[in-house]
Protein backbone atom coordinates (compact mmCIF):
# COMPACT_ATOMS: atom_id res chain seq x y z
CA MET A 1 -6.49 41.35 -22.32
CA ASN A 2 -6.60 42.54 -18.71
CA THR A 3 -5.02 40.82 -15.73
CA VAL A 4 -8.24 39.05 -14.70
CA GLY A 5 -8.69 37.66 -18.21
CA LYS A 6 -5.11 36.40 -18.33
CA SER A 7 -5.56 34.77 -14.95
CA LYS A 8 -8.70 32.94 -16.12
CA VAL A 9 -6.99 31.75 -19.31
CA LEU A 10 -3.97 30.53 -17.32
CA THR A 11 -6.26 28.71 -14.87
CA PHE A 12 -8.13 27.07 -17.74
CA LEU A 13 -4.89 25.92 -19.38
CA ILE A 14 -3.61 24.50 -16.10
CA TYR A 15 -6.82 22.53 -15.47
CA ALA A 16 -6.90 21.35 -19.09
CA PHE A 17 -3.32 20.10 -18.79
CA LEU A 18 -4.02 18.36 -15.47
CA THR A 19 -7.13 16.75 -16.95
CA LEU A 20 -5.13 15.46 -19.89
CA VAL A 21 -2.44 14.06 -17.61
CA SER A 22 -5.12 12.39 -15.44
CA VAL A 23 -6.69 10.75 -18.50
CA VAL A 24 -3.29 9.44 -19.60
CA PHE A 25 -2.62 7.90 -16.19
CA VAL A 26 -6.13 6.51 -15.70
CA PHE A 27 -6.50 5.07 -19.20
CA PRO A 28 -4.51 1.82 -18.57
CA LEU A 29 -6.64 1.03 -15.51
CA LEU A 30 -9.83 1.88 -17.42
CA TRP A 31 -8.77 -0.32 -20.32
CA ILE A 32 -8.06 -3.25 -17.98
CA VAL A 33 -11.46 -2.95 -16.29
CA ILE A 34 -13.35 -2.69 -19.58
CA SER A 35 -11.39 -5.57 -21.13
CA SER A 36 -12.35 -7.79 -18.20
CA PHE A 37 -15.96 -7.63 -19.41
CA LYS A 38 -15.12 -8.67 -22.98
CA THR A 39 -15.51 -12.14 -24.40
CA GLY A 40 -12.49 -14.09 -25.60
CA ALA A 41 -13.48 -13.56 -29.23
CA ASP A 42 -13.92 -9.83 -28.64
CA LEU A 43 -10.48 -9.55 -27.05
CA ALA A 44 -8.91 -11.41 -29.94
CA SER A 45 -10.61 -9.41 -32.69
CA HIS A 46 -10.96 -5.97 -31.03
CA PRO A 47 -8.31 -5.78 -28.28
CA THR A 48 -7.94 -1.98 -28.33
CA THR A 49 -11.59 -0.92 -28.46
CA LEU A 50 -13.02 0.68 -25.34
CA ILE A 51 -16.63 -0.42 -25.83
CA PRO A 52 -17.06 -4.22 -25.75
CA GLN A 53 -19.11 -5.80 -28.49
CA GLN A 54 -20.74 -7.95 -25.84
CA PHE A 55 -20.57 -7.58 -22.06
CA THR A 56 -19.93 -10.78 -20.13
CA LEU A 57 -19.22 -11.82 -16.54
CA GLU A 58 -17.70 -15.10 -17.63
CA ASN A 59 -14.17 -13.94 -16.87
CA TYR A 60 -15.05 -13.03 -13.27
CA SER A 61 -16.96 -16.28 -12.86
CA LYS A 62 -13.92 -18.20 -14.02
CA VAL A 63 -11.44 -16.26 -11.86
CA LEU A 64 -13.47 -16.11 -8.66
CA GLY A 65 -15.12 -19.50 -9.01
CA GLU A 66 -13.00 -22.00 -10.94
CA MET A 67 -9.58 -20.51 -10.13
CA GLY A 68 -10.34 -19.73 -6.49
CA PHE A 69 -9.07 -16.17 -6.71
CA LEU A 70 -11.21 -15.19 -3.71
CA THR A 71 -9.01 -17.42 -1.56
CA ASN A 72 -5.92 -15.62 -2.83
CA LEU A 73 -7.57 -12.27 -2.15
CA LYS A 74 -8.38 -13.40 1.39
CA ASN A 75 -4.76 -14.46 1.88
CA SER A 76 -3.50 -11.03 0.81
CA LEU A 77 -5.97 -9.24 3.06
CA ILE A 78 -5.01 -11.35 6.09
CA ILE A 79 -1.26 -10.96 5.54
CA SER A 80 -1.46 -7.24 4.75
CA THR A 81 -3.84 -6.41 7.60
CA VAL A 82 -1.85 -8.28 10.27
CA SER A 83 1.53 -6.97 9.11
CA THR A 84 0.19 -3.41 8.87
CA ALA A 85 -1.40 -3.54 12.33
CA ILE A 86 1.80 -4.83 13.95
CA THR A 87 3.89 -2.30 12.01
CA ILE A 88 1.79 0.68 13.10
CA VAL A 89 1.70 -0.34 16.78
CA ILE A 90 5.48 -0.87 16.91
CA SER A 91 6.24 2.24 14.86
CA CYS A 92 3.94 4.56 16.83
CA LEU A 93 5.46 3.49 20.14
CA GLY A 94 8.97 3.65 18.73
CA ALA A 95 8.51 7.03 17.03
CA TYR A 96 7.04 8.62 20.15
CA GLY A 97 9.80 7.20 22.31
CA ILE A 98 12.47 8.50 19.92
CA VAL A 99 10.96 11.99 19.79
CA ARG A 100 10.51 12.37 23.55
CA TYR A 101 13.40 10.37 25.01
CA PHE A 102 16.18 10.20 22.38
CA PRO A 103 15.65 13.16 20.00
CA ASN A 104 19.29 13.54 18.93
CA PHE A 105 20.12 9.85 18.77
CA GLY A 106 16.71 9.18 17.23
CA ARG A 107 17.37 11.38 14.21
CA LYS A 108 20.58 9.48 13.48
CA MET A 109 18.93 6.11 14.08
CA THR A 110 16.02 6.83 11.74
CA ARG A 111 18.49 7.78 9.00
CA VAL A 112 20.23 4.44 9.50
CA LEU A 113 16.89 2.61 9.40
CA ILE A 114 15.81 4.26 6.16
CA THR A 115 19.07 3.23 4.49
CA SER A 116 17.64 -0.29 4.39
CA TYR A 117 15.62 0.93 1.40
CA MET A 118 18.82 1.68 -0.51
CA PHE A 119 19.38 -2.01 -1.20
CA PRO A 120 17.34 -3.97 -3.77
CA PRO A 121 15.00 -6.53 -2.14
CA ILE A 122 16.61 -9.33 -4.14
CA LEU A 123 19.82 -8.92 -2.10
CA LEU A 124 17.99 -10.10 1.00
CA ALA A 125 16.31 -13.02 -0.74
CA VAL A 126 19.06 -15.54 0.08
CA PRO A 127 19.43 -14.80 3.82
CA TYR A 128 15.66 -14.59 4.19
CA THR A 129 15.26 -17.94 2.44
CA VAL A 130 17.86 -19.59 4.69
CA MET A 131 16.11 -18.28 7.81
CA MET A 132 12.66 -19.31 6.58
CA VAL A 133 13.86 -22.85 5.81
CA LYS A 134 15.70 -23.28 9.13
CA THR A 135 12.75 -22.00 11.17
CA GLY A 136 10.19 -23.98 9.18
CA LEU A 137 8.22 -20.88 8.21
CA VAL A 138 8.09 -21.56 4.46
CA ASN A 139 4.51 -21.66 3.15
CA SER A 140 3.16 -19.89 6.24
CA TYR A 141 1.50 -16.55 6.91
CA VAL A 142 3.78 -15.98 9.89
CA GLY A 143 6.98 -16.21 7.86
CA LEU A 144 5.75 -13.80 5.20
CA ILE A 145 4.46 -11.35 7.81
CA LEU A 146 7.83 -11.35 9.59
CA VAL A 147 9.57 -10.59 6.31
CA TYR A 148 7.17 -7.73 5.60
CA LEU A 149 7.77 -6.31 9.07
CA SER A 150 11.51 -6.16 8.39
CA PHE A 151 11.08 -3.52 5.70
CA SER A 152 7.76 -1.89 6.68
CA VAL A 153 8.70 -1.02 10.27
CA PRO A 154 11.79 1.09 9.34
CA TYR A 155 9.80 3.07 6.79
CA ALA A 156 6.81 3.60 9.09
CA LEU A 157 9.08 4.55 11.99
CA TRP A 158 10.89 7.12 9.86
CA MET A 159 7.59 8.59 8.70
CA LEU A 160 5.99 8.74 12.15
CA VAL A 161 8.98 10.40 13.83
CA GLY A 162 8.32 13.46 11.69
CA PHE A 163 4.64 13.48 12.61
CA TYR A 164 5.19 13.14 16.36
CA GLN A 165 7.68 15.99 16.21
CA THR A 166 4.76 18.29 15.36
CA VAL A 167 3.04 17.62 18.70
CA PRO A 168 3.56 20.66 21.01
CA ILE A 169 5.44 19.66 24.14
CA GLY A 170 3.39 22.17 26.14
CA ILE A 171 0.21 20.13 25.72
CA GLU A 172 1.91 17.05 27.10
CA GLU A 173 3.41 18.98 30.01
CA ALA A 174 -0.03 20.33 30.89
CA ALA A 175 -1.47 16.81 30.83
CA ALA A 176 1.38 15.56 33.03
CA VAL A 177 0.65 18.31 35.55
CA ASP A 178 -2.97 17.12 35.63
CA GLY A 179 -1.76 13.65 36.57
CA ALA A 180 -1.70 11.86 33.20
CA GLY A 181 0.94 9.17 32.84
CA ARG A 182 3.31 8.91 29.90
CA PHE A 183 1.41 6.10 28.16
CA ARG A 184 -1.89 7.91 28.60
CA ILE A 185 -0.37 11.06 27.13
CA PHE A 186 0.85 9.04 24.17
CA LEU A 187 -2.49 7.29 23.66
CA ARG A 188 -4.97 10.06 24.41
CA ILE A 189 -3.13 13.26 23.45
CA ALA A 190 -0.16 12.79 21.12
CA SER A 191 -1.55 10.05 18.87
CA PRO A 192 -4.93 11.72 18.18
CA ILE A 193 -3.11 14.88 17.10
CA VAL A 194 -1.11 12.98 14.47
CA THR A 195 -4.03 10.80 13.34
CA PRO A 196 -3.78 11.97 9.68
CA GLY A 197 -0.12 10.98 9.64
CA ILE A 198 -0.87 7.59 11.18
CA VAL A 199 -3.62 6.99 8.63
CA ALA A 200 -1.36 7.97 5.73
CA THR A 201 1.42 5.69 6.98
CA THR A 202 -1.05 2.86 7.53
CA ILE A 203 -2.37 3.08 3.99
CA TYR A 204 1.07 3.14 2.39
CA THR A 205 2.17 0.21 4.54
CA PHE A 206 -0.94 -1.77 3.67
CA ILE A 207 -0.65 -1.12 -0.06
CA ASN A 208 3.04 -2.06 -0.09
CA SER A 209 2.28 -5.34 1.69
CA PHE A 210 -0.76 -6.05 -0.47
CA ASN A 211 1.15 -5.56 -3.72
CA GLU A 212 4.46 -7.16 -2.66
CA PHE A 213 5.49 -9.88 -5.08
CA LEU A 214 9.10 -11.05 -4.74
CA TYR A 215 9.08 -12.50 -1.22
CA ALA A 216 5.56 -13.89 -1.61
CA LEU A 217 6.74 -15.74 -4.72
CA LEU A 218 9.81 -17.11 -2.93
CA PHE A 219 8.22 -18.23 0.34
CA ILE A 220 4.68 -19.31 -0.64
CA ASN A 221 4.46 -22.35 -2.90
CA GLU A 222 1.01 -23.70 -2.09
CA SER A 223 -1.73 -22.28 -4.28
CA SER A 224 -4.19 -22.18 -1.37
CA LYS A 225 -1.89 -19.79 0.53
CA MET A 226 -0.74 -17.60 -2.37
CA PRO A 227 -1.40 -13.85 -2.20
CA VAL A 228 -3.12 -12.24 -5.18
CA ALA A 229 0.10 -10.87 -6.69
CA VAL A 230 1.58 -14.37 -7.02
CA ALA A 231 -1.74 -15.86 -8.14
CA LEU A 232 -1.98 -13.21 -10.85
CA TYR A 233 1.55 -14.03 -12.03
CA SER A 234 0.71 -17.73 -12.16
CA LEU A 235 -1.95 -17.00 -14.78
CA THR A 236 0.79 -16.00 -17.24
CA GLY A 237 2.48 -19.39 -17.00
CA THR A 238 -0.12 -21.28 -19.00
CA GLU A 239 0.51 -22.36 -22.59
CA VAL A 240 -2.55 -20.49 -23.87
CA LEU A 241 -2.92 -17.16 -22.11
CA ASP A 242 -6.52 -16.37 -21.17
CA TRP A 243 -6.55 -12.58 -21.52
CA GLY A 244 -10.09 -12.23 -20.24
CA ALA A 245 -9.31 -14.07 -17.00
CA LEU A 246 -6.05 -12.17 -16.66
CA MET A 247 -7.85 -8.81 -16.99
CA ALA A 248 -10.52 -9.84 -14.48
CA ALA A 249 -7.86 -10.98 -12.01
CA ALA A 250 -5.88 -7.75 -12.50
CA THR A 251 -9.04 -5.75 -11.80
CA CYS A 252 -9.60 -7.67 -8.56
CA VAL A 253 -6.02 -6.88 -7.51
CA VAL A 254 -6.06 -3.18 -8.40
CA LEU A 255 -9.55 -2.11 -7.34
CA PRO A 256 -9.09 -2.61 -3.55
CA SER A 257 -6.17 -0.16 -3.57
CA VAL A 258 -8.10 2.35 -5.68
CA ILE A 259 -11.18 2.13 -3.46
CA ILE A 260 -9.16 2.56 -0.27
CA PHE A 261 -7.32 5.60 -1.63
CA THR A 262 -10.59 7.12 -2.81
CA LEU A 263 -12.30 6.72 0.56
CA ILE A 264 -9.52 8.16 2.70
CA GLN A 265 -7.65 10.47 0.34
CA LYS A 266 -8.36 13.47 2.58
CA TYR A 267 -6.51 11.79 5.45
CA ILE A 268 -3.57 11.01 3.19
CA ALA A 269 -3.41 14.63 1.98
CA ALA A 270 -3.61 15.90 5.55
CA GLY A 271 -0.90 13.49 6.66
CA LEU A 272 1.44 14.51 3.86
CA SER A 273 0.93 18.22 4.59
CA GLU A 274 1.65 17.69 8.29
CA GLY A 275 4.73 15.64 7.48
CA SER A 276 6.12 18.44 5.32
CA VAL A 277 7.64 20.02 8.46
CA LYS A 278 10.25 17.26 8.40
């Protein structure tokens, strides 16, 4: 077999392996989605089959209608969107300021900030709970958003410092010569250049906030204010577990993340490639 033939065989084997790995990783999600359309009897008698004996929307009707899961989904979207927006604004300004004004000190500071991720979230549960109780922010969006900011801002700041370091200083100097102020340079020149990195950081921040469970469970006790992660967990506390409703609720929790990643995956890939210079 010549070199070209060997290359084609190797390429085929690589793609076959990647396809197999993709199927393995996607199968649990596919099984959850398909199971959400099964009846209770079908789930009990044929739990592992991929093709339902009878398609039904009863599970979604129960979850979205009777259980009010749409309210929980709205809560998660509000909390995640607000915390992500505040995180990105603070982190973009902070990262640019570190890169341009305190480059040496900034590198040391970002390393200190990222060390906050070395500690398990449960270690901060007690001090956070004390602060939430004393400030009266238990069962409020504001309290949960402030908690999310405490661990999302350090991560986003660390990420964005690497992206802003890729902006050529010569472009900014040319803009300054033309009369542009520092904030205008940041807003109109530096930030557009690192847009893929900002988008990638935004998505990761949003997904982390959307899927966060521990602090939402600790600080939100009212069902009308619960995020979807806590609402989904509450379904497992019943005496008789409704697997159909649980699968439908899990699908509602997972699909937003999948759809978002699918729509903007090119920006995430571009952001990760630009951040590789770090």
